[in-house]
Amino acid sequence: MKIVVQNSTYEVPLKEVTLLSALIYIRENIDSTLKFGYNCKSGVCGSCSLRVNNQETLSCEYKVQDGDIVEPLLYKTSVQNRLKRVESWLHVKSQKQMGEASEEKIERQSDCILCSSCFSACPVLHVKPDFLGPYALTRAWRYTVDIREEDKKGFVDRVQNEGIWDCTLCGECILACPVGIDPKADILHLRTKSMQMGYFDPTPQPDFQDDFGFNPNF
């Protein structure tokens, strides 16, 4: 079968294999200059993330198909740097103990494998590089609902600029995540919590008028 990798077409005599296996075959037998990343080969580390047919995926899990078009992630960024901006760690730890119900509230948000797929899929990051991005905002929500964290307002404060209000809620990050994290829902939760704490969407709202010139904003 044929696959296109970064505008080069390769004939791969393999069937029912992962994309990562096909890429390794190409590098070992056809093109030694081909560059790609991987580590664990089992969907745990996230280092092999790529775009296949305009969709982010892990190459160690994706079964390659004839005619696939393979590209690097559109926006490969440092997840760690963005996590530092939201300070995603416990700040003021209470004496409360985590129970099973409390752990379930933050379990999914803690599953990230740092593959950067959600960042690649995010249309906002392509026009606003300083946007915190899907997973950084998910981590902010994770600590906002952590019962051990006393400084919840601090997390809400840190996601106001270049954060929750810049998200378009398109949901592309949900489709891209290989472990089922839902950043869109977490961002909506952060918006609700923000409004409860006195914040509001700073985006100018349109001045609607009906056919009779009545403005419902007044």
C-alpha atoms as a PDB file:
ATOM      1  CA  MET A   1       0.000   0.000   0.000  1.00  0.00           C
ATOM      2  CA  LYS A   2       0.978   3.621  -0.503  1.00  0.00           C
ATOM      3  CA  ILE A   3       1.109   6.300   2.169  1.00  0.00           C
ATOM      4  CA  VAL A   4       2.084   9.939   1.861  1.00  0.00           C
ATOM      5  CA  VAL A   5       4.393  11.259   4.576  1.00  0.00           C
ATOM      6  CA  GLN A   6       5.202  14.972   4.480  1.00  0.00           C
ATOM      7  CA  ASN A   7       4.564  15.188   0.715  1.00  0.00           C
ATOM      8  CA  SER A   8       6.616  12.068  -0.124  1.00  0.00           C
ATOM      9  CA  THR A   9       4.876   8.899  -1.290  1.00  0.00           C
ATOM     10  CA  TYR A  10       6.110   5.524  -0.047  1.00  0.00           C
ATOM     11  CA  GLU A  11       5.159   1.984  -1.042  1.00  0.00           C
ATOM     12  CA  VAL A  12       4.913  -0.143   2.090  1.00  0.00           C
ATOM     13  CA  PRO A  13       4.528  -3.962   1.626  1.00  0.00           C
ATOM     14  CA  LEU A  14       2.783  -4.395   4.982  1.00  0.00           C
ATOM     15  CA  LYS A  15      -0.805  -5.107   5.954  1.00  0.00           C
ATOM     16  CA  GLU A  16      -2.741  -4.682   9.179  1.00  0.00           C
ATOM     17  CA  VAL A  17       0.038  -2.771  10.913  1.00  0.00           C
ATOM     18  CA  THR A  18       0.159   0.404  12.908  1.00  0.00           C
ATOM     19  CA  LEU A  19       1.277   3.620  11.308  1.00  0.00           C
ATOM     20  CA  LEU A  20       4.296   3.623  13.616  1.00  0.00           C
ATOM     21  CA  SER A  21       5.356   0.200  12.292  1.00  0.00           C
ATOM     22  CA  ALA A  22       4.987   1.480   8.736  1.00  0.00           C
ATOM     23  CA  LEU A  23       7.082   4.564   9.503  1.00  0.00           C
ATOM     24  CA  ILE A  24       9.792   2.432  11.078  1.00  0.00           C
ATOM     25  CA  TYR A  25       9.782   0.192   7.989  1.00  0.00           C
ATOM     26  CA  ILE A  26      10.148   3.222   5.721  1.00  0.00           C
ATOM     27  CA  ARG A  27      13.074   4.595   7.686  1.00  0.00           C
ATOM     28  CA  GLU A  28      14.867   1.236   7.886  1.00  0.00           C
ATOM     29  CA  ASN A  29      14.273   0.153   4.288  1.00  0.00           C
ATOM     30  CA  ILE A  30      13.405   3.129   2.081  1.00  0.00           C
ATOM     31  CA  ASP A  31      14.292   6.547   3.479  1.00  0.00           C
ATOM     32  CA  SER A  32      16.783   6.799   6.325  1.00  0.00           C
ATOM     33  CA  THR A  33      16.225  10.553   6.568  1.00  0.00           C
ATOM     34  CA  LEU A  34      12.594  10.220   7.659  1.00  0.00           C
ATOM     35  CA  LYS A  35      12.133  11.756  11.104  1.00  0.00           C
ATOM     36  CA  PHE A  36       9.370  11.007  13.604  1.00  0.00           C
ATOM     37  CA  GLY A  37       9.099  10.535  17.331  1.00  0.00           C
ATOM     38  CA  TYR A  38       8.057   7.602  19.483  1.00  0.00           C
ATOM     39  CA  ASN A  39       8.931   5.941  22.750  1.00  0.00           C
ATOM     40  CA  CYS A  40       6.638   3.467  24.506  1.00  0.00           C
ATOM     41  CA  LYS A  41       4.838   2.069  21.404  1.00  0.00           C
ATOM     42  CA  SER A  42       1.770   1.389  23.565  1.00  0.00           C
ATOM     43  CA  GLY A  43      -0.269   4.606  23.660  1.00  0.00           C
ATOM     44  CA  VAL A  44       1.064   5.762  27.024  1.00  0.00           C
ATOM     45  CA  CYS A  45       3.720   8.406  26.390  1.00  0.00           C
ATOM     46  CA  GLY A  46       2.056  10.458  23.626  1.00  0.00           C
ATOM     47  CA  SER A  47       5.335  11.139  21.828  1.00  0.00           C
ATOM     48  CA  CYS A  48       4.248   9.518  18.551  1.00  0.00           C
ATOM     49  CA  SER A  49       1.273  11.803  17.905  1.00  0.00           C
ATOM     50  CA  LEU A  50       0.762  12.838  14.261  1.00  0.00           C
ATOM     51  CA  ARG A  51      -1.982  14.010  11.923  1.00  0.00           C
ATOM     52  CA  VAL A  52      -3.436  11.422   9.559  1.00  0.00           C
ATOM     53  CA  ASN A  53      -5.910  12.620   6.946  1.00  0.00           C
ATOM     54  CA  ASN A  54      -6.294  15.918   8.849  1.00  0.00           C
ATOM     55  CA  GLN A  55      -7.036  14.214  12.165  1.00  0.00           C
ATOM     56  CA  GLU A  56      -4.729  13.966  15.174  1.00  0.00           C
ATOM     57  CA  THR A  57      -3.910  10.429  16.287  1.00  0.00           C
ATOM     58  CA  LEU A  58      -1.261   8.278  17.963  1.00  0.00           C
ATOM     59  CA  SER A  59       0.766   6.509  15.302  1.00  0.00           C
ATOM     60  CA  CYS A  60       1.332   3.518  17.595  1.00  0.00           C
ATOM     61  CA  GLU A  61      -2.425   2.879  17.722  1.00  0.00           C
ATOM     62  CA  TYR A  62      -3.637   3.904  14.270  1.00  0.00           C
ATOM     63  CA  LYS A  63      -3.904   1.063  11.727  1.00  0.00           C
ATOM     64  CA  VAL A  64      -2.461   2.443   8.521  1.00  0.00           C
ATOM     65  CA  GLN A  65      -4.634   2.435   5.388  1.00  0.00           C
ATOM     66  CA  ASP A  66      -3.774   2.669   1.718  1.00  0.00           C
ATOM     67  CA  GLY A  67      -3.611   6.321   0.661  1.00  0.00           C
ATOM     68  CA  ASP A  68      -3.196   7.786   4.140  1.00  0.00           C
ATOM     69  CA  ILE A  69      -1.709  11.279   4.266  1.00  0.00           C
ATOM     70  CA  VAL A  70       0.574  11.714   7.265  1.00  0.00           C
ATOM     71  CA  GLU A  71       1.725  15.089   8.612  1.00  0.00           C
ATOM     72  CA  PRO A  72       3.262  16.487  11.790  1.00  0.00           C
ATOM     73  CA  LEU A  73       1.000  18.094  14.355  1.00  0.00           C
ATOM     74  CA  LEU A  74      -0.030  21.572  13.293  1.00  0.00           C
ATOM     75  CA  TYR A  75       0.940  23.087  16.621  1.00  0.00           C
ATOM     76  CA  LYS A  76       3.500  21.102  18.574  1.00  0.00           C
ATOM     77  CA  THR A  77       3.896  23.116  21.737  1.00  0.00           C
ATOM     78  CA  SER A  78       5.359  22.755  25.189  1.00  0.00           C
ATOM     79  CA  VAL A  79       2.485  21.550  27.323  1.00  0.00           C
ATOM     80  CA  GLN A  80       4.614  21.989  30.422  1.00  0.00           C
ATOM     81  CA  ASN A  81       5.125  25.714  29.829  1.00  0.00           C
ATOM     82  CA  ARG A  82       1.394  26.285  29.583  1.00  0.00           C
ATOM     83  CA  LEU A  83       0.755  24.227  32.698  1.00  0.00           C
ATOM     84  CA  LYS A  84       3.195  26.516  34.507  1.00  0.00           C
ATOM     85  CA  ARG A  85       1.175  29.540  33.415  1.00  0.00           C
ATOM     86  CA  VAL A  86      -1.913  28.192  35.171  1.00  0.00           C
ATOM     87  CA  GLU A  87       0.266  26.921  38.040  1.00  0.00           C
ATOM     88  CA  SER A  88      -1.281  23.458  37.928  1.00  0.00           C
ATOM     89  CA  TRP A  89      -0.307  22.193  41.353  1.00  0.00           C
ATOM     90  CA  LEU A  90      -1.721  22.411  44.859  1.00  0.00           C
ATOM     91  CA  HIS A  91      -1.158  25.835  46.393  1.00  0.00           C
ATOM     92  CA  VAL A  92      -2.992  25.954  49.706  1.00  0.00           C
ATOM     93  CA  LYS A  93      -3.549  22.365  50.770  1.00  0.00           C
ATOM     94  CA  SER A  94      -6.339  21.661  53.232  1.00  0.00           C
ATOM     95  CA  GLN A  95      -6.570  18.747  55.622  1.00  0.00           C
ATOM     96  CA  LYS A  96      -9.434  17.205  53.654  1.00  0.00           C
ATOM     97  CA  GLN A  97      -8.918  13.623  52.576  1.00  0.00           C
ATOM     98  CA  MET A  98      -9.661  12.418  49.059  1.00  0.00           C
ATOM     99  CA  GLY A  99     -12.412   9.822  48.887  1.00  0.00           C
ATOM    100  CA  GLU A 100     -13.499   7.732  45.921  1.00  0.00           C
ATOM    101  CA  ALA A 101     -16.135  10.257  44.830  1.00  0.00           C
ATOM    102  CA  SER A 102     -13.632  13.129  45.010  1.00  0.00           C
ATOM    103  CA  GLU A 103     -11.058  11.194  43.004  1.00  0.00           C
ATOM    104  CA  GLU A 104     -13.607  10.432  40.286  1.00  0.00           C
ATOM    105  CA  LYS A 105     -14.228  14.172  39.790  1.00  0.00           C
ATOM    106  CA  ILE A 106     -10.617  14.773  38.754  1.00  0.00           C
ATOM    107  CA  GLU A 107      -9.598  11.367  37.410  1.00  0.00           C
ATOM    108  CA  ARG A 108     -10.233  12.028  33.723  1.00  0.00           C
ATOM    109  CA  GLN A 109      -8.531  15.442  33.796  1.00  0.00           C
ATOM    110  CA  SER A 110      -5.428  13.757  35.235  1.00  0.00           C
ATOM    111  CA  ASP A 111      -5.121  11.218  32.404  1.00  0.00           C
ATOM    112  CA  CYS A 112      -3.297  13.449  29.897  1.00  0.00           C
ATOM    113  CA  ILE A 113      -0.308  11.807  28.160  1.00  0.00           C
ATOM    114  CA  LEU A 114       1.096  15.162  26.941  1.00  0.00           C
ATOM    115  CA  CYS A 115       0.735  14.288  23.256  1.00  0.00           C
ATOM    116  CA  SER A 116      -0.204  17.884  22.247  1.00  0.00           C
ATOM    117  CA  SER A 117      -2.989  16.607  19.958  1.00  0.00           C
ATOM    118  CA  CYS A 118      -5.577  18.964  21.469  1.00  0.00           C
ATOM    119  CA  PHE A 119      -3.238  21.908  20.872  1.00  0.00           C
ATOM    120  CA  SER A 120      -2.754  20.894  17.241  1.00  0.00           C
ATOM    121  CA  ALA A 121      -6.502  20.621  16.709  1.00  0.00           C
ATOM    122  CA  CYS A 122      -7.332  23.935  18.387  1.00  0.00           C
ATOM    123  CA  PRO A 123      -8.181  26.655  15.807  1.00  0.00           C
ATOM    124  CA  VAL A 124      -7.680  29.425  18.368  1.00  0.00           C
ATOM    125  CA  LEU A 125      -3.988  28.608  18.851  1.00  0.00           C
ATOM    126  CA  HIS A 126      -3.331  29.130  15.156  1.00  0.00           C
ATOM    127  CA  VAL A 127      -4.437  32.765  15.394  1.00  0.00           C
ATOM    128  CA  LYS A 128      -3.595  33.440  19.069  1.00  0.00           C
ATOM    129  CA  PRO A 129      -0.343  31.667  19.993  1.00  0.00           C
ATOM    130  CA  ASP A 130      -0.555  32.935  23.591  1.00  0.00           C
ATOM    131  CA  PHE A 131      -3.877  31.161  24.183  1.00  0.00           C
ATOM    132  CA  LEU A 132      -3.490  28.812  27.152  1.00  0.00           C
ATOM    133  CA  GLY A 133      -4.940  25.949  25.143  1.00  0.00           C
ATOM    134  CA  PRO A 134      -7.340  23.083  25.873  1.00  0.00           C
ATOM    135  CA  TYR A 135      -5.374  20.927  28.262  1.00  0.00           C
ATOM    136  CA  ALA A 136      -3.918  23.739  30.352  1.00  0.00           C
ATOM    137  CA  LEU A 137      -7.494  24.898  30.979  1.00  0.00           C
ATOM    138  CA  THR A 138      -8.562  21.357  31.789  1.00  0.00           C
ATOM    139  CA  ARG A 139      -5.804  21.178  34.402  1.00  0.00           C
ATOM    140  CA  ALA A 140      -6.978  24.473  35.881  1.00  0.00           C
ATOM    141  CA  TRP A 141     -10.447  22.985  36.311  1.00  0.00           C
ATOM    142  CA  ARG A 142      -8.957  19.817  37.790  1.00  0.00           C
ATOM    143  CA  TYR A 143      -7.461  21.810  40.682  1.00  0.00           C
ATOM    144  CA  THR A 144     -10.487  24.082  40.980  1.00  0.00           C
ATOM    145  CA  VAL A 145     -12.584  21.039  41.938  1.00  0.00           C
ATOM    146  CA  ASP A 146      -9.854  19.323  43.976  1.00  0.00           C
ATOM    147  CA  ILE A 147     -11.234  19.285  47.532  1.00  0.00           C
ATOM    148  CA  ARG A 148      -7.709  19.602  48.933  1.00  0.00           C
ATOM    149  CA  GLU A 149      -7.125  22.980  47.238  1.00  0.00           C
ATOM    150  CA  GLU A 150      -8.167  25.998  49.304  1.00  0.00           C
ATOM    151  CA  ASP A 151      -7.083  28.664  46.783  1.00  0.00           C
ATOM    152  CA  LYS A 152      -9.660  27.916  44.080  1.00  0.00           C
ATOM    153  CA  LYS A 153      -9.983  31.576  43.152  1.00  0.00           C
ATOM    154  CA  GLY A 154      -6.308  31.634  42.211  1.00  0.00           C
ATOM    155  CA  PHE A 155      -6.900  29.116  39.445  1.00  0.00           C
ATOM    156  CA  VAL A 156      -9.925  31.035  38.191  1.00  0.00           C
ATOM    157  CA  ASP A 157      -7.917  34.270  38.211  1.00  0.00           C
ATOM    158  CA  ARG A 158      -5.167  32.768  36.073  1.00  0.00           C
ATOM    159  CA  VAL A 159      -7.419  31.589  33.224  1.00  0.00           C
ATOM    160  CA  GLN A 160      -9.114  34.906  32.467  1.00  0.00           C
ATOM    161  CA  ASN A 161      -6.519  36.373  30.082  1.00  0.00           C
ATOM    162  CA  GLU A 162      -5.725  34.337  26.947  1.00  0.00           C
ATOM    163  CA  GLY A 163      -7.878  31.635  28.493  1.00  0.00           C
ATOM    164  CA  ILE A 164     -11.458  30.505  28.888  1.00  0.00           C
ATOM    165  CA  TRP A 165     -13.115  33.420  27.096  1.00  0.00           C
ATOM    166  CA  ASP A 166     -10.972  32.966  23.974  1.00  0.00           C
ATOM    167  CA  CYS A 167     -12.148  29.380  23.403  1.00  0.00           C
ATOM    168  CA  THR A 168     -14.685  29.051  20.560  1.00  0.00           C
ATOM    169  CA  LEU A 169     -16.174  25.849  22.036  1.00  0.00           C
ATOM    170  CA  CYS A 170     -15.752  24.101  18.669  1.00  0.00           C
ATOM    171  CA  GLY A 171     -15.045  20.719  20.292  1.00  0.00           C
ATOM    172  CA  GLU A 172     -12.099  19.803  18.053  1.00  0.00           C
ATOM    173  CA  CYS A 173      -9.993  19.112  21.156  1.00  0.00           C
ATOM    174  CA  ILE A 174     -12.437  16.409  22.245  1.00  0.00           C
ATOM    175  CA  LEU A 175     -12.102  14.565  18.931  1.00  0.00           C
ATOM    176  CA  ALA A 176      -8.316  14.840  19.054  1.00  0.00           C
ATOM    177  CA  CYS A 177      -7.778  13.529  22.595  1.00  0.00           C
ATOM    178  CA  PRO A 178      -6.672   9.868  22.576  1.00  0.00           C
ATOM    179  CA  VAL A 179      -7.637   9.311  26.229  1.00  0.00           C
ATOM    180  CA  GLY A 180     -11.126  10.827  26.192  1.00  0.00           C
ATOM    181  CA  ILE A 181     -10.572  14.123  28.029  1.00  0.00           C
ATOM    182  CA  ASP A 182     -13.265  16.745  27.352  1.00  0.00           C
ATOM    183  CA  PRO A 183     -11.598  20.193  27.576  1.00  0.00           C
ATOM    184  CA  LYS A 184     -14.706  21.904  26.201  1.00  0.00           C
ATOM    185  CA  ALA A 185     -16.804  20.789  29.178  1.00  0.00           C
ATOM    186  CA  ASP A 186     -14.056  21.812  31.593  1.00  0.00           C
ATOM    187  CA  ILE A 187     -13.824  25.261  30.001  1.00  0.00           C
ATOM    188  CA  LEU A 188     -17.584  25.684  30.322  1.00  0.00           C
ATOM    189  CA  HIS A 189     -17.316  24.740  34.009  1.00  0.00           C
ATOM    190  CA  LEU A 190     -14.561  27.327  34.449  1.00  0.00           C
ATOM    191  CA  ARG A 191     -16.727  29.984  32.786  1.00  0.00           C
ATOM    192  CA  THR A 192     -19.572  29.221  35.164  1.00  0.00           C
ATOM    193  CA  LYS A 193     -17.250  29.324  38.168  1.00  0.00           C
ATOM    194  CA  SER A 194     -15.751  32.581  36.884  1.00  0.00           C
ATOM    195  CA  MET A 195     -19.144  34.267  36.651  1.00  0.00           C
ATOM    196  CA  GLN A 196     -19.966  33.069  40.151  1.00  0.00           C
ATOM    197  CA  MET A 197     -16.780  34.836  41.295  1.00  0.00           C
ATOM    198  CA  GLY A 198     -17.679  38.078  39.538  1.00  0.00           C
ATOM    199  CA  TYR A 199     -15.922  37.672  36.198  1.00  0.00           C
ATOM    200  CA  PHE A 200     -17.642  38.073  32.828  1.00  0.00           C
ATOM    201  CA  ASP A 201     -16.895  37.570  29.164  1.00  0.00           C
ATOM    202  CA  PRO A 202     -14.876  40.622  28.072  1.00  0.00           C
ATOM    203  CA  THR A 203     -15.745  40.113  24.397  1.00  0.00           C
ATOM    204  CA  PRO A 204     -17.889  43.034  23.138  1.00  0.00           C
ATOM    205  CA  GLN A 205     -21.435  41.830  22.574  1.00  0.00           C
ATOM    206  CA  PRO A 206     -23.412  42.782  19.439  1.00  0.00           C
ATOM    207  CA  ASP A 207     -25.974  45.559  19.783  1.00  0.00           C
ATOM    208  CA  PHE A 208     -29.156  43.755  18.721  1.00  0.00           C
ATOM    209  CA  GLN A 209     -32.240  45.628  17.543  1.00  0.00           C
ATOM    210  CA  ASP A 210     -35.520  44.210  16.326  1.00  0.00           C
ATOM    211  CA  ASP A 211     -37.378  45.323  13.213  1.00  0.00           C
ATOM    212  CA  PHE A 212     -38.994  48.193  15.176  1.00  0.00           C
ATOM    213  CA  GLY A 213     -35.701  49.581  16.461  1.00  0.00           C
ATOM    214  CA  PHE A 214     -36.175  48.177  19.975  1.00  0.00           C
ATOM    215  CA  ASN A 215     -32.897  47.379  21.694  1.00  0.00           C
ATOM    216  CA  PRO A 216     -33.370  44.530  24.241  1.00  0.00           C
ATOM    217  CA  ASN A 217     -30.141  45.558  25.989  1.00  0.00           C
ATOM    218  CA  PHE A 218     -31.870  48.627  27.450  1.00  0.00           C
END
